[in-house]
Amino acid sequence: MHLTNPCGSNKRSGSSNKGATIPNTFHSNKSSNKMARITRTISQQRHHIHERSLPHTLLLAIAAIALLQLQHFESVCAQSMMTKNEPMFISRSETFKFITGETIVLPCEVANTDTYVVAWKRGIAILTAGSVKVTPDPRVRLVNGFNLQIREALPTDAGDYICQIATMDPREITHTVEILVPPRIHHISTGGHLQVKKGSSVRIECSATGNPMPNVTWSRKNNILPNGEEKLHSHVLSIENVDRHKGGVYICTANNRVGQPASSQVVLHVLYSPEIAVERPVVFSGEGHEAMLVCIVHGETQPEVIWFKDTMQLDTTERHIMETRGSRHTLIIRKVHPQDFGNYSCVAENQLGKARKTLQLSGKPNVAVFNSPPISQYKDRYNISWAVDSHSPIEEYKLSFRKLPQGHEVVGNAIDSQSSSSSLSSSQSSSSSSSQMYGSGLHSHHIGSNIGLGGGSLSGGVGMGSYGGYGNLMHWGRNDWRNVVLPAMPLSHHYSQGMSYMVRGLDPDQHYEATVQSRNRYGWSDLTNSFVFSTSSNDNEMRDLSVTFYGSSAINRQKLGLLALSSATLILSLIMA
């Protein structure tokens, strides 16, 4: 049995029209041809049946099978021809990101659409149909076929765009557009300037927009934030207990990595009553010299500053000059007279209050400074020396020393104990716990028993005198201070003056502490801090000496070559002897 192949006949008939567009349905003439072929096939099958005398039911079955085969061949042929020439997309659906102001281009490349309409839609709005632009937006047009272009992108351009082929069952691709917007600060709660009183609390909000949403940080111009950090990652800046140190320019910055960061600043202005700091509480000067008393004054609004001597307000004269440079207020006293010494005060006042600070103009000596090495080259004596600045000649010194009590911690050459100065003050006021010695030139007088003083010697140097003790060992109880009053011989008119004194009768390899005061015609200076020195374990003057540095937990020894110093001391001792 043989069936005619309908697909083969179509191929032959369509060979001369290769590439033509296939319509959506078959024409009626094709249906007639199909029926004619089916009739011929059935007639042929009947002829064979009559010749072979087949039953009638078998004839019908063979006819049905032939009809099904014919329909199958027709379907396969039609599908093959439609697949070969149907419209299709080359572009695929994508997501695009553009920055505002940029040009958007959305691809829509297609094939086999000669007889079909390609359209762009956004929601229900049609943008283009074929090559015709439908939307009135002048920024929109087609480029390079059916690619959609939108110039000068706006945030409102974000969304889904559909490219569609208008078939019976429309085919389409969808592009999603996201518009990236650089950050913009659109609100600061204070309006860029904030004025508050000292002690107030401040809250500043900074709001920003952008896509993606920007991060907001706070910083401070040329300074750190009040919390000690360089930046605060928050849109709210809170400052508690505001004072003048927290005023300044605060900067809000918004950044989302799109374009340049946006920033805006807030000036925080703190109103407060005057605050005064003195440069030097005590100013030392001398007759005929110039003195400068300085007050550093801060305040908002700017305070008015007045100077007083005791309770008398000072006016500008030839000798009293008042200068102001920013927050620095200076009282200059030219050619100081004895009556100029005393207490001065600067008074500052503004609308929020008043402040006063006191200074002293003194003719007394400055506090002396010890300059002798911390360890003696002798086991039973120590040559202690010091220097002091004074505009007037020093008339006498008061040296106090004692063996360092147990339990006192030594740091450097000072005593880390508050009991040291207090015990010195109490011992100096009690004759039972201390003895006082007076030296005069090469002779000495002493009060009290069992105290030996050294003989005198004079060392060189500008404004520097020297005393040496004589006699036997010094014996005292635990923690007893010994005071030595040393007249300055001869008087020195140098600004830097000094003295050295040989303390004898000390115990070997022990620690001692000392203080000294100086007096000129205007009075005694303040007491120095405690100075710590040590005796050696033997008297080998020519050896390399060990200088002891005292720490908080242990004694560390560092070898220093002091051979030259030892030799010079020995020669000086021989000369004086």
Protein backbone atom coordinates (compact mmCIF):
# COMPACT_ATOMS: atom_id res chain seq x y z
CA MET A 1 0.00 0.00 0.00
CA HIS A 2 1.34 3.40 -0.95
CA LEU A 3 0.32 6.87 0.36
CA THR A 4 1.09 10.11 -1.41
CA ASN A 5 3.40 12.48 0.65
CA PRO A 6 1.67 15.89 0.77
CA CYS A 7 4.67 17.68 2.32
CA GLY A 8 6.81 16.56 -0.58
CA SER A 9 4.40 18.00 -3.11
CA ASN A 10 4.39 21.33 -1.23
CA LYS A 11 8.16 21.50 -1.24
CA ARG A 12 8.23 21.08 -4.96
CA SER A 13 5.53 23.65 -5.56
CA GLY A 14 7.16 26.19 -3.21
CA SER A 15 10.72 25.82 -4.40
CA SER A 16 10.42 28.85 -6.62
CA ASN A 17 9.07 31.06 -3.72
CA LYS A 18 11.71 30.36 -1.12
CA GLY A 19 11.70 32.84 1.80
CA ALA A 20 8.10 34.05 1.45
CA THR A 21 6.18 34.94 4.62
CA ILE A 22 3.87 32.28 5.98
CA PRO A 23 0.28 33.46 6.77
CA ASN A 24 -1.41 32.55 10.02
CA THR A 25 -3.99 30.03 8.40
CA PHE A 26 -4.18 27.74 5.32
CA HIS A 27 -6.13 29.01 2.32
CA SER A 28 -9.34 27.22 1.10
CA ASN A 29 -7.75 25.84 -2.10
CA LYS A 30 -5.26 23.92 0.00
CA SER A 31 -8.15 22.37 1.91
CA SER A 32 -9.80 21.25 -1.41
CA ASN A 33 -6.56 19.68 -2.59
CA LYS A 34 -6.31 17.81 0.67
CA MET A 35 -9.80 16.39 0.32
CA ALA A 36 -9.15 15.36 -3.30
CA ARG A 37 -6.02 13.48 -2.23
CA ILE A 38 -7.95 11.72 0.53
CA THR A 39 -10.69 10.69 -2.01
CA ARG A 40 -8.16 9.35 -4.48
CA THR A 41 -6.44 7.44 -1.71
CA ILE A 42 -9.71 5.83 -0.57
CA SER A 43 -10.66 4.92 -4.19
CA GLN A 44 -7.28 3.28 -4.67
CA GLN A 45 -7.72 1.35 -1.44
CA ARG A 46 -11.21 0.22 -2.59
CA HIS A 47 -9.80 -1.01 -5.92
CA HIS A 48 -7.25 -3.12 -4.11
CA ILE A 49 -9.93 -4.44 -1.74
CA HIS A 50 -12.25 -5.49 -4.62
CA GLU A 51 -9.40 -7.21 -6.35
CA ARG A 52 -8.54 -9.13 -3.18
CA SER A 53 -12.20 -9.45 -2.01
CA LEU A 54 -11.41 -7.97 1.48
CA PRO A 55 -14.24 -7.47 4.04
CA HIS A 56 -15.98 -4.10 4.17
CA THR A 57 -14.81 -3.31 7.75
CA LEU A 58 -11.20 -3.76 6.80
CA LEU A 59 -11.73 -1.30 4.00
CA LEU A 60 -12.89 1.38 6.43
CA ALA A 61 -9.93 0.80 8.76
CA ILE A 62 -7.46 1.18 5.96
CA ALA A 63 -9.16 4.43 4.87
CA ALA A 64 -8.96 5.86 8.41
CA ILE A 65 -5.29 5.00 8.70
CA ALA A 66 -4.59 6.72 5.39
CA LEU A 67 -6.43 9.84 6.51
CA LEU A 68 -4.47 10.03 9.78
CA GLN A 69 -1.15 9.66 7.96
CA LEU A 70 -2.07 12.45 5.58
CA GLN A 71 -3.03 14.81 8.40
CA HIS A 72 0.24 14.07 10.24
CA PHE A 73 2.37 14.82 7.19
CA GLU A 74 0.48 18.08 6.59
CA SER A 75 1.03 19.21 10.22
CA VAL A 76 4.75 18.40 10.23
CA CYS A 77 5.24 20.25 6.96
CA ALA A 78 3.39 23.40 8.14
CA GLN A 79 5.27 23.54 11.47
CA SER A 80 8.61 23.19 9.71
CA MET A 81 7.88 26.07 7.35
CA MET A 82 6.58 28.36 10.16
CA THR A 83 9.59 27.71 12.47
CA LYS A 84 11.97 28.60 9.72
CA ASN A 85 10.48 32.09 9.13
CA GLU A 86 8.66 33.16 12.36
CA PRO A 87 9.53 36.55 14.06
CA MET A 88 11.99 36.36 16.99
CA PHE A 89 14.00 38.50 19.50
CA ILE A 90 17.78 38.61 19.44
CA SER A 91 17.96 40.89 22.54
CA ARG A 92 17.13 39.52 25.97
CA SER A 93 15.40 41.08 28.96
CA GLU A 94 17.90 42.97 31.16
CA THR A 95 18.19 45.43 34.07
CA PHE A 96 20.02 48.71 33.41
CA LYS A 97 21.33 51.40 35.78
CA PHE A 98 21.79 54.99 34.67
CA ILE A 99 22.76 58.19 36.48
CA THR A 100 20.47 61.18 36.19
CA GLY A 101 21.42 63.26 33.16
CA GLU A 102 22.84 60.34 31.23
CA THR A 103 21.36 58.98 27.95
CA ILE A 104 19.35 55.76 28.24
CA VAL A 105 19.58 53.22 25.37
CA LEU A 106 17.47 50.05 25.62
CA PRO A 107 18.24 47.34 23.00
CA CYS A 108 15.50 45.58 20.97
CA GLU A 109 17.05 43.60 18.14
CA VAL A 110 14.59 41.37 16.23
CA ALA A 111 14.47 39.07 13.18
CA ASN A 112 11.77 38.07 10.67
CA THR A 113 9.48 41.01 11.49
CA ASP A 114 9.04 42.43 8.00
CA THR A 115 5.26 42.00 8.08
CA TYR A 116 4.86 42.56 11.84
CA VAL A 117 4.75 45.72 13.96
CA VAL A 118 7.42 46.21 16.68
CA ALA A 119 6.28 48.52 19.46
CA TRP A 120 7.67 49.98 22.72
CA LYS A 121 5.38 50.30 25.74
CA ARG A 122 5.72 51.56 29.31
CA GLY A 123 2.79 50.39 31.36
CA ILE A 124 -0.29 51.11 29.22
CA ALA A 125 1.41 53.96 27.38
CA ILE A 126 2.69 53.27 23.87
CA LEU A 127 5.99 55.02 23.17
CA THR A 128 6.61 53.87 19.58
CA ALA A 129 4.82 51.72 16.99
CA GLY A 130 7.01 50.49 14.17
CA SER A 131 9.17 53.44 13.17
CA VAL A 132 6.58 55.99 14.37
CA LYS A 133 7.12 57.79 17.70
CA VAL A 134 3.85 57.98 19.61
CA THR A 135 4.89 59.60 22.90
CA PRO A 136 5.11 63.41 22.93
CA ASP A 137 8.26 63.32 25.09
CA PRO A 138 10.98 65.01 22.97
CA ARG A 139 13.70 63.04 24.72
CA VAL A 140 12.48 59.72 23.28
CA ARG A 141 13.41 58.30 19.85
CA LEU A 142 14.42 55.09 18.06
CA VAL A 143 18.08 54.51 17.15
CA ASN A 144 19.76 51.76 15.12
CA GLY A 145 16.52 49.96 14.30
CA PHE A 146 14.19 49.46 17.23
CA ASN A 147 16.58 50.46 20.09
CA LEU A 148 14.88 52.97 22.39
CA GLN A 149 16.81 56.09 23.38
CA ILE A 150 15.87 58.52 26.22
CA ARG A 151 18.09 61.58 26.62
CA GLU A 152 18.81 63.39 29.91
CA ALA A 153 17.55 60.69 32.22
CA LEU A 154 15.31 61.76 35.09
CA PRO A 155 14.44 59.89 38.30
CA THR A 156 10.91 59.48 36.90
CA ASP A 157 12.30 57.44 34.01
CA ALA A 158 12.84 54.47 36.30
CA GLY A 159 10.60 51.46 35.64
CA ASP A 160 9.85 48.64 33.16
CA TYR A 161 10.00 49.12 29.37
CA ILE A 162 8.45 46.48 27.02
CA CYS A 163 9.50 45.81 23.43
CA GLN A 164 6.69 43.82 21.71
CA ILE A 165 6.17 42.04 18.37
CA ALA A 166 2.47 42.29 17.38
CA THR A 167 1.69 38.67 16.48
CA MET A 168 -1.63 36.90 17.17
CA ASP A 169 -0.02 35.84 20.46
CA PRO A 170 2.20 38.92 21.12
CA ARG A 171 5.83 38.25 21.92
CA GLU A 172 7.83 40.67 24.11
CA ILE A 173 10.91 41.35 26.22
CA THR A 174 11.03 43.61 29.32
CA HIS A 175 13.91 45.91 30.34
CA THR A 176 14.04 47.30 33.89
CA VAL A 177 15.60 50.76 34.26
CA GLU A 178 16.98 51.99 37.60
CA ILE A 179 17.97 55.67 37.83
CA LEU A 180 20.92 56.38 40.16
CA VAL A 181 20.61 59.80 41.81
CA PRO A 182 23.62 61.55 43.42
CA PRO A 183 23.13 62.56 47.06
CA ARG A 184 21.55 65.85 47.99
CA ILE A 185 21.12 67.40 51.44
CA HIS A 186 17.70 68.95 51.50
CA HIS A 187 17.24 69.78 55.19
CA ILE A 188 19.27 70.78 58.26
CA SER A 189 17.21 71.45 61.35
CA THR A 190 19.17 74.53 62.45
CA GLY A 191 19.32 76.23 59.07
CA GLY A 192 23.14 76.30 59.08
CA HIS A 193 23.64 78.47 62.18
CA LEU A 194 22.96 77.69 65.82
CA GLN A 195 23.51 79.94 68.84
CA VAL A 196 23.19 78.44 72.32
CA LYS A 197 24.21 79.25 75.88
CA LYS A 198 26.89 77.37 77.77
CA GLY A 199 25.55 74.22 79.43
CA SER A 200 22.78 73.69 76.89
CA SER A 201 22.13 70.50 74.90
CA VAL A 202 22.19 70.56 71.09
CA ARG A 203 20.46 68.26 68.59
CA ILE A 204 21.05 68.80 64.86
CA GLU A 205 19.34 66.71 62.16
CA CYS A 206 20.61 66.34 58.60
CA SER A 207 18.32 64.80 55.94
CA ALA A 208 19.52 63.68 52.52
CA THR A 209 18.05 62.05 49.43
CA GLY A 210 19.49 60.01 46.56
CA ASN A 211 19.36 56.58 44.95
CA PRO A 212 20.60 54.44 46.50
CA MET A 213 19.83 56.11 49.84
CA PRO A 214 22.99 57.95 50.94
CA ASN A 215 24.88 57.38 54.18
CA VAL A 216 25.02 60.50 56.37
CA THR A 217 28.07 61.30 58.55
CA TRP A 218 29.02 64.19 60.83
CA SER A 219 32.50 65.65 61.22
CA ARG A 220 34.05 68.83 62.61
CA LYS A 221 36.14 71.32 60.69
CA ASN A 222 39.80 71.28 61.81
CA ASN A 223 38.91 69.37 64.97
CA ILE A 224 37.51 66.14 66.34
CA LEU A 225 33.94 65.70 67.52
CA PRO A 226 33.12 66.28 71.21
CA ASN A 227 32.95 62.50 71.73
CA GLY A 228 36.58 62.20 70.62
CA GLU A 229 35.80 60.57 67.27
CA GLU A 230 36.60 61.96 63.84
CA LYS A 231 33.24 60.93 62.32
CA LEU A 232 29.74 60.06 63.51
CA HIS A 233 27.65 57.79 61.23
CA SER A 234 24.21 59.16 61.94
CA HIS A 235 21.84 61.75 60.55
CA VAL A 236 21.46 63.20 64.10
CA LEU A 237 24.27 65.00 65.97
CA SER A 238 23.72 65.40 69.72
CA ILE A 239 26.00 67.46 71.98
CA GLU A 240 25.46 67.59 75.72
CA ASN A 241 26.60 70.30 78.14
CA VAL A 242 27.92 72.66 75.49
CA ASP A 243 30.88 74.90 76.32
CA ARG A 244 33.22 77.09 74.30
CA HIS A 245 35.46 74.13 73.48
CA LYS A 246 32.54 72.42 71.68
CA GLY A 247 31.70 75.38 69.46
CA GLY A 248 32.83 75.54 65.85
CA VAL A 249 31.86 74.36 62.38
CA TYR A 250 30.19 70.94 62.07
CA ILE A 251 29.87 69.33 58.63
CA CYS A 252 27.12 66.95 57.46
CA THR A 253 28.19 64.76 54.52
CA ALA A 254 25.93 62.49 52.42
CA ASN A 255 27.49 59.85 50.16
CA ASN A 256 26.00 56.99 48.10
CA ARG A 257 28.95 56.48 45.71
CA VAL A 258 27.00 58.10 42.86
CA GLY A 259 28.65 61.28 41.67
CA GLN A 260 30.25 63.53 44.29
CA PRO A 261 29.32 63.49 48.00
CA ALA A 262 27.08 66.34 49.17
CA SER A 263 27.92 68.36 52.28
CA SER A 264 26.51 71.20 54.32
CA GLN A 265 27.87 72.89 57.42
CA VAL A 266 26.44 74.19 60.68
CA VAL A 267 28.15 76.91 62.72
CA LEU A 268 27.66 76.31 66.46
CA HIS A 269 28.08 79.56 68.37
CA VAL A 270 28.30 79.21 72.17
CA LEU A 271 27.38 82.15 74.39
CA TYR A 272 29.14 82.12 77.77
CA SER A 273 30.35 84.38 80.54
CA PRO A 274 34.05 85.34 80.63
CA GLU A 275 36.65 82.67 81.38
CA ILE A 276 40.12 83.78 82.42
CA ALA A 277 43.46 81.96 82.57
CA VAL A 278 46.66 83.65 83.69
CA GLU A 279 49.89 83.02 81.81
CA ARG A 280 52.00 83.18 85.01
CA PRO A 281 50.39 83.54 88.43
CA VAL A 282 53.60 85.05 89.82
CA VAL A 283 55.73 87.42 87.73
CA PHE A 284 59.24 88.09 89.04
CA SER A 285 60.88 91.42 88.31
CA GLY A 286 63.19 93.98 89.81
CA GLU A 287 63.51 97.71 90.26
CA GLY A 288 64.02 99.49 86.97
CA HIS A 289 63.02 96.46 84.94
CA GLU A 290 59.91 95.88 82.85
CA ALA A 291 57.14 93.50 83.97
CA MET A 292 54.39 91.93 81.87
CA LEU A 293 51.25 90.50 83.46
CA VAL A 294 49.11 88.45 81.04
CA CYS A 295 45.50 87.26 81.26
CA ILE A 296 43.99 85.02 78.57
CA VAL A 297 40.31 85.97 78.39
CA HIS A 298 37.55 84.13 76.49
CA GLY A 299 33.88 85.03 76.32
CA GLU A 300 30.90 85.44 74.00
CA THR A 301 30.13 88.18 73.51
CA GLN A 302 33.63 89.68 73.69
CA PRO A 303 34.25 90.76 77.31
CA GLU A 304 35.60 94.10 78.48
CA VAL A 305 38.78 93.73 80.56
CA ILE A 306 39.84 96.07 83.39
CA TRP A 307 43.08 95.90 85.43
CA PHE A 308 43.35 96.53 89.18
CA LYS A 309 46.24 96.97 91.65
CA ASP A 310 44.77 95.63 94.86
CA THR A 311 41.40 97.46 94.80
CA MET A 312 42.44 100.44 92.67
CA GLN A 313 41.54 100.45 88.99
CA LEU A 314 44.50 101.17 86.73
CA ASP A 315 44.44 103.61 83.86
CA THR A 316 46.85 103.82 80.95
CA THR A 317 49.89 105.97 81.83
CA GLU A 318 53.47 106.28 80.67
CA ARG A 319 54.44 103.37 82.90
CA HIS A 320 51.19 101.38 82.76
CA ILE A 321 50.33 100.17 79.24
CA MET A 322 47.41 97.85 78.48
CA GLU A 323 47.51 95.81 75.29
CA THR A 324 44.94 93.47 73.71
CA ARG A 325 45.72 90.96 70.98
CA GLY A 326 42.83 88.59 70.42
CA SER A 327 42.15 86.87 73.73
CA ARG A 328 45.51 87.92 75.21
CA HIS A 329 45.31 90.93 77.55
CA THR A 330 48.63 92.30 78.85
CA LEU A 331 49.46 94.85 81.52
CA ILE A 332 52.97 96.24 80.91
CA ILE A 333 54.70 98.01 83.80
CA ARG A 334 57.76 99.94 82.73
CA LYS A 335 60.63 100.81 85.09
CA VAL A 336 59.25 98.91 88.05
CA HIS A 337 59.24 100.81 91.36
CA PRO A 338 59.27 99.12 94.76
CA GLN A 339 55.65 100.18 95.30
CA ASP A 340 54.67 98.32 92.11
CA PHE A 341 55.21 94.96 93.78
CA GLY A 342 52.02 93.37 95.06
CA ASN A 343 48.75 91.82 93.91
CA TYR A 344 47.08 92.64 90.58
CA SER A 345 43.84 91.37 89.08
CA CYS A 346 42.20 91.35 85.67
CA VAL A 347 38.40 91.59 85.62
CA ALA A 348 36.44 90.58 82.51
CA GLU A 349 32.72 91.24 82.02
CA ASN A 350 30.09 90.70 79.30
CA GLN A 351 26.28 90.43 79.21
CA LEU A 352 26.37 86.93 80.69
CA GLY A 353 28.60 87.51 83.69
CA LYS A 354 31.90 88.59 85.22
CA ALA A 355 35.18 86.83 86.10
CA ARG A 356 38.34 87.82 88.00
CA LYS A 357 41.84 86.38 88.23
CA THR A 358 44.66 87.50 90.52
CA LEU A 359 48.35 87.78 89.68
CA GLN A 360 51.33 88.76 91.77
CA LEU A 361 54.24 90.98 90.80
CA SER A 362 57.09 89.91 93.03
CA GLY A 363 60.60 91.11 93.66
CA LYS A 364 61.43 87.90 95.56
CA PRO A 365 63.79 85.29 94.13
CA ASN A 366 62.55 82.53 91.85
CA VAL A 367 62.50 78.96 93.15
CA ALA A 368 66.05 77.59 93.23
CA VAL A 369 67.14 74.65 91.07
CA PHE A 370 69.64 72.01 92.30
CA ASN A 371 72.44 71.33 89.82
CA SER A 372 74.81 69.00 91.69
CA PRO A 373 75.19 65.34 90.62
CA PRO A 374 72.85 62.97 92.44
CA ILE A 375 75.60 60.78 93.88
CA SER A 376 78.59 61.82 95.98
CA GLN A 377 82.14 60.66 95.37
CA TYR A 378 82.54 60.46 99.12
CA LYS A 379 81.10 58.07 101.62
CA ASP A 380 80.53 60.59 104.44
CA ARG A 381 79.96 63.97 102.76
CA TYR A 382 78.26 65.54 99.77
CA ASN A 383 78.88 68.83 97.95
CA ILE A 384 75.39 70.14 97.17
CA SER A 385 74.88 73.11 94.83
CA TRP A 386 72.00 75.09 93.41
CA ALA A 387 71.22 78.10 91.24
CA VAL A 388 68.53 80.74 91.49
CA ASP A 389 67.32 83.68 89.37
CA SER A 390 66.79 86.95 91.17
CA HIS A 391 66.68 90.57 89.98
CA SER A 392 68.01 91.65 93.41
CA PRO A 393 71.08 90.23 95.16
CA ILE A 394 70.48 87.11 97.26
CA GLU A 395 71.28 87.82 100.91
CA GLU A 396 71.05 84.35 102.37
CA TYR A 397 69.96 80.75 101.75
CA LYS A 398 68.29 78.20 103.98
CA LEU A 399 69.32 74.62 103.23
CA SER A 400 67.36 71.74 104.79
CA PHE A 401 68.33 68.08 104.52
CA ARG A 402 67.73 64.70 106.17
CA LYS A 403 68.31 60.99 105.69
CA LEU A 404 65.59 59.58 103.49
CA PRO A 405 63.05 57.72 105.69
CA GLN A 406 62.15 54.13 105.01
CA GLY A 407 59.11 53.62 102.78
CA HIS A 408 59.63 56.72 100.65
CA GLU A 409 59.68 55.97 96.95
CA VAL A 410 62.26 57.75 94.82
CA VAL A 411 61.39 58.83 91.26
CA GLY A 412 64.31 60.41 89.43
CA ASN A 413 65.77 62.78 92.02
CA ALA A 414 62.48 63.58 93.74
CA ILE A 415 60.46 62.03 96.55
CA ASP A 416 57.12 60.56 95.63
CA SER A 417 55.53 61.32 98.97
CA GLN A 418 53.32 64.10 100.23
CA SER A 419 54.64 63.59 103.73
CA SER A 420 58.03 64.97 102.74
CA SER A 421 57.08 68.64 102.48
CA SER A 422 54.64 68.44 105.38
CA SER A 423 57.21 66.83 107.63
CA LEU A 424 59.71 69.48 106.61
CA SER A 425 57.34 72.29 107.56
CA SER A 426 56.52 70.71 110.89
CA SER A 427 60.14 69.94 111.69
CA GLN A 428 61.26 73.44 110.88
CA SER A 429 58.78 74.83 113.40
CA SER A 430 59.88 72.45 116.18
CA SER A 431 63.24 73.00 117.85
CA SER A 432 63.14 69.51 119.37
CA SER A 433 63.18 67.78 116.01
CA SER A 434 65.67 69.92 114.11
CA SER A 435 68.81 71.91 114.59
CA GLN A 436 69.68 75.12 112.76
CA MET A 437 73.18 76.07 111.71
CA TYR A 438 74.56 79.36 110.49
CA GLY A 439 77.63 79.65 108.30
CA SER A 440 79.55 82.90 107.88
CA GLY A 441 82.49 82.95 105.55
CA LEU A 442 85.00 80.38 106.71
CA HIS A 443 83.56 80.24 110.21
CA SER A 444 80.41 78.59 111.45
CA HIS A 445 78.22 78.75 114.53
CA HIS A 446 75.76 76.09 115.51
CA ILE A 447 72.82 75.68 117.81
CA GLY A 448 72.10 72.28 119.34
CA SER A 449 74.28 69.34 120.34
CA ASN A 450 76.10 66.62 118.45
CA ILE A 451 76.19 68.60 115.20
CA GLY A 452 79.34 69.05 113.17
CA LEU A 453 79.76 71.59 110.36
CA GLY A 454 82.34 71.75 107.64
CA GLY A 455 84.96 74.39 106.94
CA GLY A 456 84.35 76.90 104.15
CA SER A 457 85.66 77.01 100.61
CA LEU A 458 84.84 79.18 97.62
CA SER A 459 84.14 77.84 94.17
CA GLY A 460 84.36 79.77 90.93
CA GLY A 461 81.49 80.84 88.69
CA VAL A 462 79.34 83.89 88.20
CA GLY A 463 77.31 84.68 91.27
CA MET A 464 78.22 81.38 92.95
CA GLY A 465 79.49 80.95 96.51
CA SER A 466 80.56 77.83 98.37
CA TYR A 467 80.63 76.66 101.95
CA GLY A 468 82.20 73.61 103.50
CA GLY A 469 81.48 72.13 106.91
CA TYR A 470 83.95 71.13 109.59
CA GLY A 471 83.81 69.01 112.72
CA ASN A 472 82.66 65.56 113.65
CA LEU A 473 79.87 63.24 112.53
CA MET A 474 76.28 64.45 112.60
CA HIS A 475 73.94 62.32 114.67
CA TRP A 476 70.16 62.67 114.52
CA GLY A 477 67.05 60.66 115.05
CA ARG A 478 64.84 59.12 112.37
CA ASN A 479 63.28 61.63 109.97
CA ASP A 480 64.97 64.65 111.60
CA TRP A 481 65.55 67.65 109.32
CA ARG A 482 68.69 69.78 109.64
CA ASN A 483 68.60 73.43 108.59
CA VAL A 484 71.62 75.48 107.56
CA VAL A 485 71.36 79.25 106.98
CA LEU A 486 74.08 80.41 104.61
CA PRO A 487 74.78 84.10 104.07
CA ALA A 488 75.54 84.91 100.45
CA MET A 489 79.17 85.95 100.50
CA PRO A 490 79.93 88.01 98.58
CA LEU A 491 76.68 89.56 97.29
CA SER A 492 76.14 89.08 93.58
CA HIS A 493 74.32 91.47 91.26
CA HIS A 494 73.95 88.89 88.51
CA TYR A 495 70.47 87.71 87.60
CA SER A 496 71.57 84.05 87.95
CA GLN A 497 73.12 83.35 91.32
CA GLY A 498 73.91 80.24 93.30
CA MET A 499 75.65 78.47 96.14
CA SER A 500 77.34 75.18 97.01
CA TYR A 501 77.78 73.62 100.42
CA MET A 502 79.71 70.59 101.65
CA VAL A 503 77.48 68.52 103.93
CA ARG A 504 79.64 66.37 106.23
CA GLY A 505 79.02 63.61 108.73
CA LEU A 506 76.83 61.50 106.44
CA ASP A 507 76.48 57.71 106.52
CA PRO A 508 78.00 55.65 103.68
CA ASP A 509 75.81 54.34 100.87
CA GLN A 510 72.67 56.14 102.03
CA HIS A 511 69.97 58.28 100.38
CA TYR A 512 69.26 61.82 101.54
CA GLU A 513 66.82 64.51 100.51
CA ALA A 514 67.27 68.28 100.57
CA THR A 515 65.42 71.53 99.90
CA VAL A 516 66.56 75.13 99.77
CA GLN A 517 65.09 78.65 99.99
CA SER A 518 66.59 81.95 98.90
CA ARG A 519 66.06 85.45 100.32
CA ASN A 520 66.67 88.89 98.90
CA ARG A 521 65.52 92.30 100.16
CA TYR A 522 61.91 91.53 99.22
CA GLY A 523 61.63 88.23 101.08
CA TRP A 524 62.03 84.49 100.91
CA SER A 525 61.39 82.46 97.77
CA ASP A 526 59.13 79.41 97.72
CA LEU A 527 60.59 76.11 98.85
CA THR A 528 62.09 73.86 96.19
CA ASN A 529 60.86 70.34 95.57
CA SER A 530 62.79 67.66 97.40
CA PHE A 531 66.13 66.78 95.81
CA VAL A 532 67.57 63.29 96.44
CA PHE A 533 71.30 62.56 96.66
CA SER A 534 73.33 59.54 97.78
CA THR A 535 76.66 58.87 99.42
CA SER A 536 79.17 56.34 98.11
CA SER A 537 80.29 53.17 99.80
CA ASN A 538 83.97 54.28 99.81
CA ASP A 539 86.18 57.33 99.19
CA ASN A 540 88.05 56.26 96.05
CA GLU A 541 87.92 59.63 94.28
CA MET A 542 89.74 58.42 91.14
CA ARG A 543 87.33 55.60 90.34
CA ASP A 544 84.55 55.64 87.74
CA LEU A 545 81.48 56.67 89.69
CA SER A 546 78.08 55.08 89.35
CA VAL A 547 75.18 57.49 89.02
CA THR A 548 72.06 55.99 90.51
CA PHE A 549 68.71 56.47 88.80
CA TYR A 550 65.80 55.70 91.10
CA GLY A 551 62.72 54.07 89.71
CA SER A 552 59.36 53.19 91.22
CA SER A 553 60.27 49.56 91.93
CA ALA A 554 64.02 49.07 91.73
CA ILE A 555 67.35 50.90 91.67
CA ASN A 556 69.15 50.77 88.33
CA ARG A 557 72.77 51.74 88.11
CA GLN A 558 74.35 53.20 84.99
CA LYS A 559 78.09 53.68 84.78
CA LEU A 560 79.18 57.18 83.86
CA GLY A 561 82.77 58.21 83.32
CA LEU A 562 83.28 60.97 85.86
CA LEU A 563 87.05 60.71 86.16
CA ALA A 564 87.60 64.30 85.03
CA LEU A 565 85.10 65.59 87.58
CA SER A 566 86.79 63.58 90.36
CA SER A 567 90.20 64.98 89.43
CA ALA A 568 88.93 68.55 89.37
CA THR A 569 87.30 68.08 92.78
CA LEU A 570 90.49 66.65 94.24
CA ILE A 571 92.61 69.56 92.96
CA LEU A 572 90.10 72.08 94.32
CA SER A 573 90.12 70.35 97.72
CA LEU A 574 93.96 70.48 97.85
CA ILE A 575 93.97 74.17 96.97
CA MET A 576 91.42 75.01 99.67
CA ALA A 577 93.30 72.90 102.20
